[in-house]
Protein backbone atom coordinates (compact mmCIF):
# COMPACT_ATOMS: atom_id res chain seq x y z
CA MET A 1 144.66 160.94 18.12
CA ARG A 2 147.08 163.22 19.84
CA GLY A 3 149.21 160.17 20.80
CA VAL A 4 149.20 158.96 17.17
CA ALA A 5 150.11 162.42 15.99
CA SER A 6 152.98 162.61 18.52
CA GLU A 7 154.36 159.25 17.45
CA PHE A 8 154.21 160.26 13.77
CA GLU A 9 155.94 163.55 14.59
CA LYS A 10 158.78 161.64 16.25
CA LYS A 11 159.16 159.28 13.28
CA THR A 12 159.03 161.95 10.58
CA GLY A 13 159.95 165.25 12.08
CA ALA A 14 156.61 166.67 10.93
CA LYS A 15 154.68 169.14 13.07
CA ILE A 16 151.04 168.05 13.60
CA GLU A 17 148.30 170.03 15.32
CA VAL A 18 145.14 168.22 16.46
CA GLU A 19 141.98 170.22 16.96
CA VAL A 20 138.73 168.78 18.24
CA VAL A 21 135.96 170.19 16.09
CA ASP A 22 133.09 167.99 17.28
CA LYS A 23 132.78 165.99 20.49
CA THR A 24 129.73 163.96 21.41
CA ILE A 25 129.23 162.53 24.89
CA ALA A 26 127.07 159.39 24.76
CA PRO A 27 123.85 159.62 26.77
CA LYS A 28 123.21 157.14 29.58
CA PRO A 29 122.52 153.66 28.24
CA THR A 30 119.07 152.15 28.28
CA ASP A 31 118.61 150.00 31.38
CA ALA A 32 118.77 146.26 30.58
CA ASN A 33 115.51 145.80 32.45
CA ALA A 34 113.61 148.54 30.56
CA ARG A 35 110.30 147.35 29.02
CA VAL A 36 111.56 147.96 25.48
CA VAL A 37 114.61 145.75 26.14
CA VAL A 38 112.58 142.97 27.71
CA MET A 39 110.06 143.08 24.85
CA LEU A 40 112.79 142.94 22.18
CA LYS A 41 114.50 140.02 23.92
CA GLU A 42 111.24 138.11 24.00
CA ALA A 43 110.59 138.88 20.30
CA ILE A 44 114.06 137.68 19.32
CA ARG A 45 113.85 134.58 21.46
CA LYS A 46 110.40 133.61 20.19
CA SER A 47 110.98 134.51 16.49
CA LEU A 48 114.58 133.41 15.98
CA LYS A 49 114.81 130.69 18.62
CA VAL A 50 118.06 132.14 20.02
CA LYS A 51 118.95 133.61 23.43
CA PRO A 52 119.62 137.34 22.98
CA GLN A 53 122.29 139.10 24.89
CA VAL A 54 122.14 142.74 25.95
CA GLY A 55 125.14 144.91 25.26
CA GLY A 56 126.16 148.27 24.04
CA ILE A 57 127.93 149.68 21.02
CA GLY A 58 130.07 152.67 20.53
CA GLY A 59 129.34 155.38 18.11
CA GLY A 60 126.23 157.34 17.37
CA THR A 61 122.97 155.60 16.59
CA CYS A 62 119.48 156.96 16.17
CA ALA A 63 118.69 155.65 19.67
CA ALA A 64 121.06 158.21 21.22
CA TYR A 65 118.65 161.00 20.36
CA PHE A 66 115.83 159.24 22.16
CA ARG A 67 118.00 158.44 25.17
CA GLU A 68 119.07 162.07 25.39
CA ALA A 69 115.43 162.98 25.62
CA GLY A 70 114.94 160.40 28.45
CA ILE A 71 113.19 157.84 26.27
CA PRO A 72 114.51 154.29 26.65
CA ALA A 73 115.60 153.08 23.25
CA VAL A 74 117.29 150.02 21.76
CA VAL A 75 119.11 149.34 18.50
CA TRP A 76 119.07 145.83 17.12
CA GLY A 77 119.73 144.07 13.83
CA LYS A 78 120.90 140.81 12.40
CA MET A 79 123.90 141.52 10.19
CA ASP A 80 127.36 140.61 9.13
CA GLU A 81 130.03 142.89 10.64
CA VAL A 82 130.59 145.04 7.49
CA ALA A 83 128.95 148.36 8.45
CA HIS A 84 130.65 151.45 7.12
CA GLU A 85 133.16 149.44 5.12
CA PRO A 86 133.74 149.17 1.42
CA ASN A 87 131.26 146.83 -0.17
CA GLU A 88 128.92 147.05 2.82
CA TYR A 89 125.91 144.74 2.22
CA SER A 90 122.80 143.36 3.85
CA LYS A 91 121.47 139.78 3.34
CA VAL A 92 117.86 139.35 2.43
CA GLU A 93 117.55 136.43 4.88
CA ASN A 94 118.63 138.79 7.69
CA LEU A 95 116.10 141.41 6.61
CA VAL A 96 113.38 138.74 6.65
CA SER A 97 114.40 137.60 10.17
CA GLU A 98 114.38 141.20 11.36
CA ALA A 99 110.94 141.76 9.89
CA ASN A 100 109.70 138.65 11.78
CA VAL A 101 111.04 140.03 15.06
CA TYR A 102 109.42 143.37 14.44
CA ALA A 103 106.11 141.70 13.56
CA TYR A 104 106.24 139.70 16.79
CA LEU A 105 106.98 142.92 18.67
CA ALA A 106 103.80 144.48 17.16
CA THR A 107 101.76 141.76 18.88
CA LEU A 108 103.09 142.44 22.39
């Protein structure tokens, strides 16, 4: 942000001050071999007939609080890439697919 502010100052002659008022450092990611990850991958593979890939996302999710407490946690969902945008939506077919995955997880 300081770089953007500096560029804008040069272009406009404005004086911009940047103050960090909140800074969050992400906790250590959940290990890709953690039981919860392995179980979720199996549930996705069996329920949706697709090969899941493990990855990470930026930003804060509810899983961060668990990981901060040392509890392995995962976040997963089937969605279009419209989160936190105008006209954000969720498809019923995706909600049903997610429910099937969670139901399968409950049997493990």
